[in-house]
Protein backbone atom coordinates (compact mmCIF):
# COMPACT_ATOMS: atom_id res chain seq x y z
CA MET A 1 6.04 1.53 -19.47
CA SER A 2 8.59 0.74 -16.77
CA THR A 3 9.78 3.35 -14.30
CA ALA A 4 13.18 3.76 -12.67
CA ILE A 5 11.60 3.36 -9.22
CA ASP A 6 8.18 1.91 -8.48
CA LEU A 7 7.52 1.32 -4.77
CA ARG A 8 3.98 0.46 -3.74
CA GLY A 9 2.98 0.11 -0.12
CA THR A 10 6.57 -0.39 1.03
CA CYS A 11 6.79 -0.94 4.79
CA TYR A 12 9.80 -1.70 6.92
CA ARG A 13 10.28 -2.28 10.65
CA TYR A 14 13.64 -2.54 12.34
CA PRO A 15 14.29 -5.56 14.60
CA ASP A 16 13.37 -3.48 17.66
CA GLY A 17 9.89 -2.97 16.18
CA ARG A 18 10.35 0.67 15.17
CA CYS A 19 8.52 1.54 11.97
CA ALA A 20 10.95 3.12 9.49
CA LEU A 21 8.78 3.08 6.36
CA ASP A 22 5.00 3.14 6.48
CA ALA A 23 3.15 2.31 3.24
CA VAL A 24 5.47 4.32 0.98
CA ASP A 25 4.42 4.79 -2.63
CA LEU A 26 7.18 6.30 -4.75
CA HIS A 27 7.35 6.43 -8.53
CA VAL A 28 10.33 7.96 -10.35
CA ALA A 29 10.40 8.09 -14.13
CA HIS A 30 13.50 7.38 -16.18
CA GLY A 31 15.55 10.55 -16.51
CA GLU A 32 14.16 12.37 -13.47
CA ARG A 33 16.29 13.99 -10.79
CA VAL A 34 14.43 13.79 -7.49
CA ALA A 35 15.45 15.19 -4.10
CA LEU A 36 14.42 13.11 -1.09
CA LEU A 37 14.02 15.52 1.81
CA GLY A 38 13.11 15.10 5.46
CA PRO A 39 14.34 15.49 9.02
CA ASN A 40 16.77 13.15 10.75
CA GLY A 41 15.09 9.82 11.40
CA ALA A 42 12.51 10.29 8.67
CA GLY A 43 13.48 7.03 6.93
CA LYS A 44 15.43 8.45 3.98
CA THR A 45 18.46 6.16 4.24
CA THR A 46 16.22 3.18 4.95
CA LEU A 47 14.32 3.89 1.74
CA LEU A 48 17.55 4.20 -0.26
CA LEU A 49 18.78 0.85 1.03
CA HIS A 50 15.62 -0.78 -0.35
CA LEU A 51 16.51 0.29 -3.87
CA ASN A 52 19.33 -2.22 -4.28
CA GLY A 53 17.98 -4.87 -1.94
CA LEU A 54 20.26 -4.19 1.04
CA LEU A 55 17.04 -3.94 3.06
CA ARG A 56 13.85 -5.79 2.17
CA GLY A 57 10.48 -4.77 3.51
CA THR A 58 6.94 -5.64 2.54
CA GLY A 59 5.00 -4.28 -0.40
CA SER A 60 5.81 -4.23 -4.10
CA ALA A 61 9.17 -2.91 -5.32
CA GLU A 62 10.44 -2.63 -8.90
CA VAL A 63 13.67 -0.74 -9.49
CA ALA A 64 15.62 -0.21 -12.73
CA GLY A 65 13.26 -2.56 -14.52
CA LEU A 66 13.64 -5.41 -12.03
CA ARG A 67 11.15 -6.66 -9.47
CA ILE A 68 13.26 -7.03 -6.34
CA GLU A 69 13.77 -10.64 -5.30
CA ASP A 70 16.75 -12.78 -4.36
CA ARG A 71 17.52 -14.07 -7.85
CA VAL A 72 18.02 -10.58 -9.36
CA LEU A 73 20.08 -8.91 -6.63
CA ARG A 74 23.40 -9.16 -8.49
CA GLU A 75 21.91 -7.63 -11.63
CA LEU A 76 20.00 -5.04 -9.59
CA ARG A 77 23.19 -3.83 -7.90
CA SER A 78 24.86 -3.33 -11.27
CA ARG A 79 21.91 -1.17 -12.38
CA VAL A 80 21.54 0.86 -9.18
CA GLY A 81 24.58 2.90 -8.21
CA MET A 82 24.52 3.65 -4.47
CA VAL A 83 26.77 6.41 -3.10
CA PHE A 84 26.87 6.29 0.69
CA GLN A 85 27.17 9.33 2.95
CA ASP A 86 30.61 8.26 4.19
CA PRO A 87 32.93 7.64 1.22
CA ASP A 88 35.16 5.50 3.43
CA ASP A 89 32.38 2.89 3.34
CA GLN A 90 33.13 2.45 -0.38
CA LEU A 91 36.88 2.95 -0.66
CA PHE A 92 39.03 0.05 0.50
CA MET A 93 41.62 -0.69 -2.20
CA PRO A 94 45.26 0.50 -2.15
CA THR A 95 44.76 3.05 -4.93
CA VAL A 96 41.97 5.16 -6.41
CA ALA A 97 42.19 3.36 -9.76
CA GLU A 98 41.85 -0.03 -8.09
CA ASP A 99 38.79 1.13 -6.18
CA VAL A 100 37.13 2.36 -9.37
CA ALA A 101 38.06 -0.86 -11.19
CA PHE A 102 36.74 -3.16 -8.47
CA GLY A 103 33.10 -3.22 -9.62
CA PRO A 104 33.73 -3.69 -13.36
CA LEU A 105 36.26 -6.46 -12.65
CA ASN A 106 33.61 -8.25 -10.62
CA LEU A 107 31.30 -8.04 -13.61
CA GLY A 108 33.84 -10.19 -15.44
CA LEU A 109 34.91 -7.51 -17.93
CA ASP A 110 38.26 -7.80 -19.66
CA ARG A 111 41.14 -5.64 -18.48
CA GLU A 112 41.01 -3.32 -21.51
CA SER A 113 37.31 -2.56 -20.95
CA VAL A 114 37.90 -2.01 -17.23
CA THR A 115 40.78 0.37 -17.90
CA ALA A 116 38.56 2.41 -20.24
CA ARG A 117 35.76 2.55 -17.69
CA VAL A 118 38.13 3.67 -14.94
CA ALA A 119 39.51 6.47 -17.10
CA GLN A 120 36.02 7.64 -18.10
CA ALA A 121 34.65 7.53 -14.56
CA LEU A 122 37.62 9.41 -13.08
CA ALA A 123 37.37 12.01 -15.83
CA ALA A 124 33.68 12.48 -15.04
CA VAL A 125 34.52 13.39 -11.43
CA ARG A 126 37.71 15.31 -12.30
CA MET A 127 39.98 12.92 -10.43
CA GLU A 128 42.19 11.53 -13.21
CA ALA A 129 45.35 12.88 -11.56
CA ALA A 130 44.62 10.91 -8.38
CA ALA A 131 44.42 7.48 -10.04
CA ALA A 132 47.61 6.17 -8.39
CA ARG A 133 47.05 7.76 -4.99
CA PRO A 134 45.84 5.94 -1.88
CA PRO A 135 42.25 7.04 -1.10
CA HIS A 136 43.07 7.76 2.54
CA GLN A 137 45.40 10.57 1.45
CA LEU A 138 42.59 12.47 -0.26
CA SER A 139 40.39 15.18 1.20
CA MET A 140 36.77 14.47 2.07
CA GLY A 141 35.57 16.14 -1.12
CA GLU A 142 38.04 14.18 -3.23
CA ARG A 143 37.09 10.88 -1.56
CA ARG A 144 33.43 11.58 -2.21
CA ARG A 145 34.15 12.21 -5.88
CA VAL A 146 36.09 8.94 -6.08
CA ALA A 147 33.17 7.14 -4.42
CA ILE A 148 30.92 8.50 -7.16
CA ALA A 149 33.43 7.29 -9.75
CA THR A 150 33.31 3.76 -8.31
CA VAL A 151 29.60 3.80 -9.04
CA LEU A 152 29.82 5.46 -12.46
CA SER A 153 32.32 2.82 -13.62
CA MET A 154 29.48 0.30 -13.30
CA ARG A 155 27.39 2.39 -15.74
CA PRO A 156 24.23 2.20 -13.63
CA GLN A 157 20.78 3.18 -14.85
CA LEU A 158 19.93 4.82 -11.52
CA LEU A 159 22.22 6.89 -9.31
CA VAL A 160 21.25 7.05 -5.62
CA LEU A 161 23.11 9.43 -3.31
CA ASP A 162 22.85 9.74 0.47
CA GLU A 163 23.74 13.26 1.72
CA PRO A 164 26.34 13.88 -1.00
CA SER A 165 27.27 17.39 0.20
CA ALA A 166 27.62 16.54 3.90
CA ASN A 167 30.83 17.86 5.52
CA LEU A 168 32.06 19.58 2.35
CA ASP A 169 33.53 23.06 2.26
CA PRO A 170 31.92 25.56 -0.14
CA ARG A 171 34.39 24.95 -2.98
CA SER A 172 34.08 21.16 -2.76
CA ARG A 173 30.29 21.46 -2.61
CA ALA A 174 30.22 23.65 -5.73
CA GLU A 175 32.48 21.17 -7.57
CA LEU A 176 30.20 18.32 -6.53
CA ILE A 177 27.11 20.07 -7.90
CA ASP A 178 28.92 20.72 -11.19
CA ILE A 179 29.86 17.04 -11.42
CA LEU A 180 26.38 15.73 -10.62
CA ALA A 181 24.75 18.18 -13.02
CA ALA A 182 26.89 16.72 -15.82
CA VAL A 183 25.88 13.11 -15.12
CA ASP A 184 23.11 11.92 -17.41
CA ARG A 185 21.43 9.42 -15.13
CA THR A 186 18.15 9.09 -13.31
CA MET A 187 19.00 10.39 -9.85
CA LEU A 188 17.53 10.17 -6.35
CA VAL A 189 19.34 12.42 -3.87
CA ALA A 190 18.63 12.23 -0.14
CA THR A 191 19.81 15.51 1.35
CA HIS A 192 19.40 18.16 4.02
CA ASP A 193 21.08 20.62 1.65
CA LEU A 194 17.97 22.36 0.32
CA PRO A 195 19.87 24.78 -1.96
CA LEU A 196 21.60 21.79 -3.59
CA ALA A 197 18.20 20.19 -4.13
CA ALA A 198 16.87 23.39 -5.70
CA GLU A 199 19.80 23.65 -8.09
CA LEU A 200 20.03 19.99 -9.09
CA CYS A 201 16.54 18.46 -8.88
CA GLU A 202 13.36 19.39 -10.67
CA ARG A 203 11.22 17.38 -8.24
CA ALA A 204 11.26 16.85 -4.49
CA VAL A 205 9.66 14.33 -2.15
CA ILE A 206 9.39 15.01 1.58
CA LEU A 207 9.52 11.98 3.86
CA ASP A 208 8.66 12.25 7.56
CA ARG A 209 8.14 9.49 10.10
CA GLY A 210 8.32 6.93 7.34
CA ARG A 211 5.59 8.45 5.19
CA ILE A 212 5.65 10.64 2.10
CA VAL A 213 3.97 13.90 3.08
CA ALA A 214 4.65 15.99 -0.04
CA ASP A 215 5.65 15.37 -3.64
CA GLY A 216 5.96 18.05 -6.30
CA PRO A 217 8.18 20.51 -8.15
CA CYS A 218 11.24 21.15 -5.98
CA ALA A 219 11.07 24.94 -6.19
CA GLU A 220 7.40 25.00 -5.20
CA LEU A 221 7.95 22.82 -2.14
CA LEU A 222 10.93 24.87 -1.03
CA GLU A 223 8.92 28.09 -1.29
CA ASP A 224 6.28 26.70 1.11
CA ASP A 225 7.55 27.94 4.47
CA ALA A 226 4.74 26.31 6.43
CA LEU A 227 5.45 22.92 4.84
CA LEU A 228 9.17 23.17 5.57
CA ASP A 229 8.57 24.27 9.16
CA ALA A 230 6.15 21.40 9.75
CA HIS A 231 8.85 18.89 8.83
CA ASP A 232 11.92 20.49 10.41
CA LEU A 233 13.41 21.63 7.11
CA THR A 234 15.17 24.98 6.99
CA LEU A 235 16.56 27.09 4.17
CA PRO A 236 19.67 29.19 4.89
CA ALA A 237 18.93 32.71 6.08
CA GLY A 238 18.28 35.00 3.15
CA PHE A 239 18.11 32.18 0.62
CA ASP A 240 15.77 33.00 -2.28
CA VAL A 241 14.58 29.91 -4.15
CA SER A 242 13.30 32.04 -7.04
CA ARG A 243 16.88 33.14 -7.85
CA ILE A 244 18.16 29.58 -8.27
CA VAL A 245 18.56 28.36 -11.84
CA LEU A 246 17.87 24.64 -12.20
CA ARG A 247 20.91 23.02 -13.76
CA GLY A 248 20.25 21.67 -17.24
CA ARG A 249 21.07 18.16 -18.38
CA PRO A 250 24.17 17.32 -20.39
CA LEU A 251 23.82 16.89 -24.15
CA ALA A 252 25.67 13.59 -23.89
CA ASP A 253 26.24 11.08 -21.12
CA ALA A 254 29.13 12.33 -18.97
CA GLY A 255 28.85 9.45 -16.51
CA ALA A 256 30.29 6.84 -18.90
């Protein structure tokens, strides 16, 4: 049976010789929500960039049912929705609607199908009213939601997010968690926001110095103070993991 992510012995060195990933084995089943945790420089973003072929290391890599090689990269990138930490890396069209339409249009879909996808994706992130607005006029939280919509409009099998709650105020963060909880997709979330991980993800993987050092139920890992301390991970003062209720999955696909 295929898995959403199947990395075996993945290694990657940057041009300066620094080892970013060191024999990483990572297996994510279809339908899982997994938090990828670790300190700055652990290799989290490098790992994410391997999932749609933006970086290519050594080892075996199968993602969204495709073994990663040059001939499948176009199809792979339609199956793997990557949301970058900075939404401005993904928003470049004159209006929100045009940004969300860009991917489906490049798939060769007809205008009617694209229009439907744009409406569904914007509804999923609660940004329908902003369809005609220029992205640069939106707040950080709004731009991040639009960036997610640009990915959802492609109807990916796997949703990959890099620090989705970074630089958000409390209200925008809460709205983001609500939105992600309603998306019925396999999800890998790289984050320093441990409470977000506890609320959204049933499983967590800790990456440090390019190696996976822990993999298990998210709540159990976050309750292990010694493990967190050893890898420079910190819960907010007074935060009680046991009081967090893991968000359930939607009854139907809200990601369209």
